[in-house]
Amino acid sequence: MSDFQSEQALDAENFQAIAELAYQESGLRLLAEKKSMIQSRLRKRLKVLGYSDFSRYARHVCSDAGREERRYMISALTTNVSHFFREIHHFEYLKAEIAPALISALNAGKRVRIWSAGCSNGQEAYSLAMLFSELFPTVFESDFRILATDIDPNVVAFARTAEYPERLINGVPSVMLSKYFRKASGSSEVLYTVDSKIARLVTFRELNLLSDWPMRQQFDVIFCRNVVIYFDSETQDTLWPRFHSVLKPDGLLFLGHSERISQPEQTGFQNCGPTTYRSAGITRNTPGY
């Protein structure tokens, strides 16, 4: 091992400090057996800050002066893997089971709100916007909006650009690709830009799911897929009633393919399909926005 690599080694003490901070800040569980991967990802942050060792980095990120760095640390430690219309059965269920009622509400001048929680690079939110454009062509003139949030400032900034390299548009049907994207040649690869009307249906914001939620209104649908898998069961159990509190009665919560609410009835949910839950209508206090 070179002297440079030795200086950058993440020892047990600093790993523990970083792991505890990551859990406190975001609910992210860092396992000791993943230390090599964590070390590799955080080395980039050491380079950015000009630090030669993890001791200095751990001291900084755990201090008051390191509050801003914590956002970038969490970003480096999380995996942002997504694509358009991922887990298509959820979109099919939404289209068949709840979209007709939502479209009727929009036709009656009512508002419809969808939350993409843990939106990653934005493909999920834009997929939802395209779906409703297909089902309800005048959606752009209605009171329909999608809130898309993520803890990672980098992916939120990327999603706001509404620009995707060719390798990231997998899953978009060819008809939608030609209808809702504009193809342009970038400096090094072909880029596809989401149509501005579709983009205007989505609002992107940074949000830590473990912090206070500023929402003032309830949602008709929440997508929170492949997010809580990174949390322990205790943290997950704190989230279910919070999701219920911001869902309208009979609203839907979609989780990722490997995620489950262990006892849905205790938090006001009913299982109504694969990783799909319906709010049972229990009245709870709703956080303000």
Protein backbone atom coordinates (compact mmCIF):
# COMPACT_ATOMS: atom_id res chain seq x y z
CA MET A 1 0.00 0.00 0.00
CA SER A 2 1.33 3.42 -0.90
CA ASP A 3 1.76 6.18 1.67
CA PHE A 4 -1.07 8.09 -0.04
CA GLN A 5 -3.47 5.14 0.26
CA SER A 6 -2.43 4.55 3.85
CA GLU A 7 -3.16 8.15 4.79
CA GLN A 8 -6.61 7.81 3.21
CA ALA A 9 -7.53 4.57 4.99
CA LEU A 10 -10.84 4.74 6.86
CA ASP A 11 -10.21 3.22 10.27
CA ALA A 12 -12.84 1.79 12.60
CA GLU A 13 -13.14 4.88 14.80
CA ASN A 14 -13.73 7.29 11.93
CA PHE A 15 -16.03 4.83 10.19
CA GLN A 16 -18.16 4.65 13.33
CA ALA A 17 -18.32 8.44 13.60
CA ILE A 18 -19.37 8.79 9.97
CA ALA A 19 -21.85 5.92 10.22
CA GLU A 20 -23.54 7.42 13.28
CA LEU A 21 -23.75 10.81 11.60
CA ALA A 22 -25.21 9.35 8.40
CA TYR A 23 -27.87 7.56 10.43
CA GLN A 24 -28.74 10.65 12.45
CA GLU A 25 -28.89 12.88 9.39
CA SER A 26 -30.70 10.65 6.91
CA GLY A 27 -31.56 7.27 8.43
CA LEU A 28 -28.90 5.73 6.17
CA ARG A 29 -27.39 2.58 7.64
CA LEU A 30 -23.72 2.04 6.83
CA LEU A 31 -22.65 -1.55 7.34
CA ALA A 32 -19.12 -2.42 8.40
CA GLU A 33 -18.81 -4.98 5.61
CA LYS A 34 -19.32 -2.14 3.12
CA LYS A 35 -16.47 -0.08 4.55
CA SER A 36 -14.27 -0.52 1.49
CA MET A 37 -17.00 0.84 -0.81
CA ILE A 38 -17.75 3.70 1.61
CA GLN A 39 -14.06 4.57 1.82
CA SER A 40 -13.83 4.65 -1.97
CA ARG A 41 -16.83 6.94 -2.34
CA LEU A 42 -15.74 9.37 0.37
CA ARG A 43 -12.20 9.68 -0.97
CA LYS A 44 -13.67 11.97 -3.64
CA ARG A 45 -14.93 14.28 -0.91
CA LEU A 46 -11.49 14.31 0.75
CA LYS A 47 -9.98 15.34 -2.57
CA VAL A 48 -12.53 18.14 -3.04
CA LEU A 49 -11.83 19.50 0.44
CA GLY A 50 -8.08 19.01 0.21
CA TYR A 51 -7.90 16.58 3.14
CA SER A 52 -5.25 13.87 3.26
CA ASP A 53 -6.88 11.64 5.87
CA PHE A 54 -10.29 10.51 7.13
CA SER A 55 -9.61 11.71 10.68
CA ARG A 56 -9.65 15.31 9.52
CA TYR A 57 -12.69 14.68 7.32
CA ALA A 58 -14.64 13.00 10.15
CA ARG A 59 -13.86 15.88 12.53
CA HIS A 60 -15.02 18.40 9.96
CA VAL A 61 -18.23 16.70 8.87
CA CYS A 62 -19.26 16.05 12.48
CA SER A 63 -18.70 19.68 13.47
CA ASP A 64 -21.03 22.66 13.09
CA ALA A 65 -18.79 23.94 10.32
CA GLY A 66 -19.40 20.72 8.40
CA ARG A 67 -23.20 20.97 8.14
CA GLU A 68 -23.04 21.81 4.44
CA GLU A 69 -20.62 18.96 3.77
CA ARG A 70 -23.07 16.47 5.29
CA ARG A 71 -25.36 16.95 2.29
CA TYR A 72 -22.55 16.02 -0.07
CA MET A 73 -21.46 13.13 2.14
CA ILE A 74 -24.96 11.63 2.03
CA SER A 75 -25.02 12.20 -1.72
CA ALA A 76 -21.74 10.32 -2.12
CA LEU A 77 -22.96 7.43 0.01
CA THR A 78 -26.31 6.86 -1.70
CA THR A 79 -26.94 5.09 -4.98
CA ASN A 80 -29.16 6.90 -7.46
CA VAL A 81 -30.40 4.26 -9.86
CA SER A 82 -33.63 4.92 -11.70
CA HIS A 83 -35.17 4.93 -15.13
CA PHE A 84 -38.36 6.03 -16.81
CA PHE A 85 -41.47 3.96 -16.01
CA ARG A 86 -39.52 1.76 -13.61
CA GLU A 87 -41.64 -1.05 -12.14
CA ILE A 88 -44.25 -0.50 -14.82
CA HIS A 89 -46.95 -2.41 -12.91
CA HIS A 90 -47.32 0.56 -10.56
CA PHE A 91 -48.06 2.88 -13.46
CA GLU A 92 -50.51 0.35 -14.87
CA TYR A 93 -52.28 0.08 -11.52
CA LEU A 94 -52.43 3.87 -11.22
CA LYS A 95 -53.83 4.15 -14.74
CA ALA A 96 -56.51 1.51 -14.20
CA GLU A 97 -57.53 2.00 -10.57
CA ILE A 98 -57.22 5.64 -9.60
CA ALA A 99 -56.50 7.79 -12.65
CA PRO A 100 -60.18 7.83 -13.79
CA ALA A 101 -61.29 9.33 -10.47
CA LEU A 102 -58.41 11.84 -10.51
CA ILE A 103 -59.27 12.90 -14.05
CA SER A 104 -62.91 13.36 -13.04
CA ALA A 105 -61.72 15.57 -10.19
CA LEU A 106 -59.60 17.64 -12.57
CA ASN A 107 -62.54 18.01 -14.95
CA ALA A 108 -64.57 19.32 -12.01
CA GLY A 109 -61.95 21.97 -11.33
CA LYS A 110 -60.45 20.25 -8.30
CA ARG A 111 -56.76 19.95 -7.56
CA VAL A 112 -54.74 16.75 -7.86
CA ARG A 113 -51.34 16.39 -6.24
CA ILE A 114 -48.74 13.61 -6.54
CA TRP A 115 -45.54 13.31 -4.53
CA SER A 116 -42.46 11.55 -5.85
CA ALA A 117 -40.50 11.09 -2.61
CA GLY A 118 -36.88 10.16 -3.24
CA CYS A 119 -37.16 11.22 -6.86
CA SER A 120 -33.50 10.59 -7.75
CA ASN A 121 -32.74 11.96 -11.22
CA GLY A 122 -36.38 12.84 -11.93
CA GLN A 123 -37.36 10.02 -14.28
CA GLU A 124 -40.21 8.87 -12.02
CA ALA A 125 -41.76 12.33 -11.76
CA TYR A 126 -41.53 13.00 -15.49
CA SER A 127 -42.97 9.53 -16.18
CA LEU A 128 -46.00 10.42 -14.07
CA ALA A 129 -46.39 13.73 -15.89
CA MET A 130 -46.27 12.00 -19.28
CA LEU A 131 -48.75 9.37 -18.14
CA PHE A 132 -51.32 11.98 -17.12
CA SER A 133 -50.73 13.94 -20.30
CA GLU A 134 -51.60 10.81 -22.24
CA LEU A 135 -54.71 10.13 -20.15
CA PHE A 136 -55.86 13.74 -19.88
CA PRO A 137 -54.52 15.92 -22.74
CA THR A 138 -55.73 19.15 -21.11
CA VAL A 139 -53.81 18.38 -17.91
CA PHE A 140 -51.62 21.43 -18.57
CA GLU A 141 -54.61 23.73 -18.05
CA SER A 142 -55.80 21.92 -14.92
CA ASP A 143 -54.78 22.12 -11.25
CA PHE A 144 -52.46 19.10 -11.50
CA ARG A 145 -48.97 19.20 -10.03
CA ILE A 146 -46.23 16.77 -9.04
CA LEU A 147 -43.86 17.45 -6.15
CA ALA A 148 -40.55 15.63 -6.54
CA THR A 149 -38.11 15.61 -3.62
CA ASP A 150 -34.76 14.09 -2.79
CA ILE A 151 -32.17 14.52 -0.07
CA ASP A 152 -29.37 14.72 -2.65
CA PRO A 153 -28.81 18.27 -3.96
CA ASN A 154 -26.89 16.94 -6.94
CA VAL A 155 -29.70 14.78 -8.32
CA VAL A 156 -32.28 17.51 -7.66
CA ALA A 157 -30.17 19.96 -9.66
CA PHE A 158 -29.79 17.39 -12.45
CA ALA A 159 -33.53 16.64 -12.54
CA ARG A 160 -34.36 20.34 -12.83
CA THR A 161 -32.38 20.58 -16.07
CA ALA A 162 -34.84 18.07 -17.64
CA GLU A 163 -31.98 16.89 -19.85
CA TYR A 164 -31.03 13.22 -20.14
CA PRO A 165 -28.23 11.52 -22.05
CA GLU A 166 -29.35 8.74 -24.34
CA ARG A 167 -28.22 6.06 -21.87
CA LEU A 168 -30.77 7.31 -19.28
CA ILE A 169 -33.93 7.27 -21.39
CA ASN A 170 -34.43 3.52 -21.26
CA GLY A 171 -38.05 2.69 -20.55
CA VAL A 172 -39.59 5.54 -22.53
CA PRO A 173 -41.92 4.13 -25.22
CA SER A 174 -40.90 5.30 -28.69
CA VAL A 175 -44.18 7.18 -29.17
CA MET A 176 -43.64 9.14 -25.95
CA LEU A 177 -39.99 9.73 -26.78
CA SER A 178 -40.87 11.49 -30.01
CA LYS A 179 -43.82 13.32 -28.43
CA TYR A 180 -42.34 14.54 -25.15
CA PHE A 181 -38.59 14.88 -25.77
CA ARG A 182 -36.43 17.08 -27.96
CA LYS A 183 -33.24 15.45 -29.22
CA ALA A 184 -30.08 17.53 -29.33
CA SER A 185 -26.39 16.79 -29.64
CA GLY A 186 -24.42 17.64 -26.53
CA SER A 187 -20.70 18.22 -26.33
CA SER A 188 -19.94 14.53 -25.95
CA GLU A 189 -23.23 12.64 -26.29
CA VAL A 190 -26.80 12.90 -27.52
CA LEU A 191 -29.16 14.60 -25.07
CA TYR A 192 -32.92 14.38 -24.77
CA THR A 193 -34.72 17.35 -23.21
CA VAL A 194 -38.14 16.89 -21.62
CA ASP A 195 -40.87 18.98 -23.25
CA SER A 196 -41.33 22.24 -21.36
CA LYS A 197 -45.05 21.62 -20.79
CA ILE A 198 -44.27 18.32 -19.08
CA ALA A 199 -41.44 19.89 -17.08
CA ARG A 200 -43.73 22.63 -15.78
CA LEU A 201 -45.98 20.03 -14.16
CA VAL A 202 -43.14 19.02 -11.81
CA THR A 203 -41.58 20.97 -8.94
CA PHE A 204 -38.26 19.67 -7.61
CA ARG A 205 -37.10 20.38 -4.07
CA GLU A 206 -34.51 19.09 -1.64
CA LEU A 207 -36.06 17.27 1.29
CA ASN A 208 -34.75 14.91 3.96
CA LEU A 209 -37.56 12.47 4.73
CA LEU A 210 -36.47 12.36 8.36
CA SER A 211 -36.76 16.13 8.79
CA ASP A 212 -39.93 18.18 9.11
CA TRP A 213 -42.16 18.09 6.04
CA PRO A 214 -43.37 21.55 4.98
CA MET A 215 -46.38 20.35 2.96
CA ARG A 216 -49.63 22.20 3.65
CA GLN A 217 -51.86 20.03 1.52
CA GLN A 218 -52.59 16.35 1.16
CA PHE A 219 -51.65 14.19 -1.78
CA ASP A 220 -53.73 11.88 -3.92
CA VAL A 221 -50.77 9.61 -4.65
CA ILE A 222 -47.29 9.14 -3.17
CA PHE A 223 -44.48 7.25 -4.87
CA CYS A 224 -41.67 6.40 -2.42
CA ARG A 225 -39.90 3.55 -4.14
CA ASN A 226 -36.52 2.03 -3.38
CA VAL A 227 -35.88 4.59 -0.66
CA VAL A 228 -36.87 3.06 2.69
CA ILE A 229 -34.88 -0.06 1.85
CA TYR A 230 -31.87 1.91 3.13
CA PHE A 231 -33.53 2.50 6.51
CA ASP A 232 -33.80 0.13 9.46
CA SER A 233 -37.23 -1.11 10.53
CA GLU A 234 -37.47 1.43 13.36
CA THR A 235 -36.94 4.34 10.98
CA GLN A 236 -39.36 2.86 8.47
CA ASP A 237 -42.02 2.54 11.16
CA THR A 238 -41.76 6.26 11.90
CA LEU A 239 -42.41 7.09 8.25
CA TRP A 240 -45.61 5.12 7.61
CA PRO A 241 -47.90 7.26 9.81
CA ARG A 242 -46.28 10.38 8.40
CA PHE A 243 -47.05 9.28 4.86
CA HIS A 244 -50.59 8.48 5.97
CA SER A 245 -50.98 11.97 7.42
CA VAL A 246 -50.27 13.63 4.07
CA LEU A 247 -52.40 11.25 1.98
CA LYS A 248 -56.03 11.92 1.22
CA PRO A 249 -58.49 9.21 2.29
CA ASP A 250 -58.23 6.39 -0.28
CA GLY A 251 -54.95 7.86 -1.53
CA LEU A 252 -52.28 5.46 -2.76
CA LEU A 253 -48.74 4.85 -1.53
CA PHE A 254 -46.40 2.94 -3.86
CA LEU A 255 -43.21 1.38 -2.48
CA GLY A 256 -40.30 -0.36 -4.19
CA HIS A 257 -40.39 -4.02 -5.16
CA SER A 258 -38.48 -5.17 -2.05
CA GLU A 259 -40.19 -2.83 0.44
CA ARG A 260 -43.17 -3.63 2.66
CA ILE A 261 -45.23 -2.09 5.45
CA SER A 262 -45.04 -4.89 7.99
CA GLN A 263 -48.36 -4.13 9.71
CA PRO A 264 -50.22 -1.75 7.40
CA GLU A 265 -53.48 -1.74 9.35
CA GLN A 266 -51.72 -0.26 12.39
CA THR A 267 -50.70 2.82 10.41
CA GLY A 268 -53.95 3.31 8.52
CA PHE A 269 -53.09 1.47 5.30
CA GLN A 270 -54.62 -1.41 3.41
CA ASN A 271 -52.57 -3.56 1.05
CA CYS A 272 -54.23 -3.45 -2.35
CA GLY A 273 -51.55 -4.82 -4.68
CA PRO A 274 -47.84 -5.60 -4.97
CA THR A 275 -46.12 -2.98 -2.76
CA THR A 276 -49.22 -0.81 -3.17
CA TYR A 277 -51.12 0.58 -0.19
CA ARG A 278 -54.33 2.55 0.14
CA SER A 279 -55.00 5.03 2.92
CA ALA A 280 -57.83 3.71 5.05
CA GLY A 281 -59.02 7.20 5.87
CA ILE A 282 -57.97 7.48 9.51
CA THR A 283 -57.95 11.13 10.47
CA ARG A 284 -54.53 12.46 11.48
CA ASN A 285 -52.97 15.87 11.89
CA THR A 286 -51.38 17.11 8.67
CA PRO A 287 -48.00 18.91 8.75
CA GLY A 288 -47.99 22.49 7.54
CA TYR A 289 -46.25 23.77 4.45
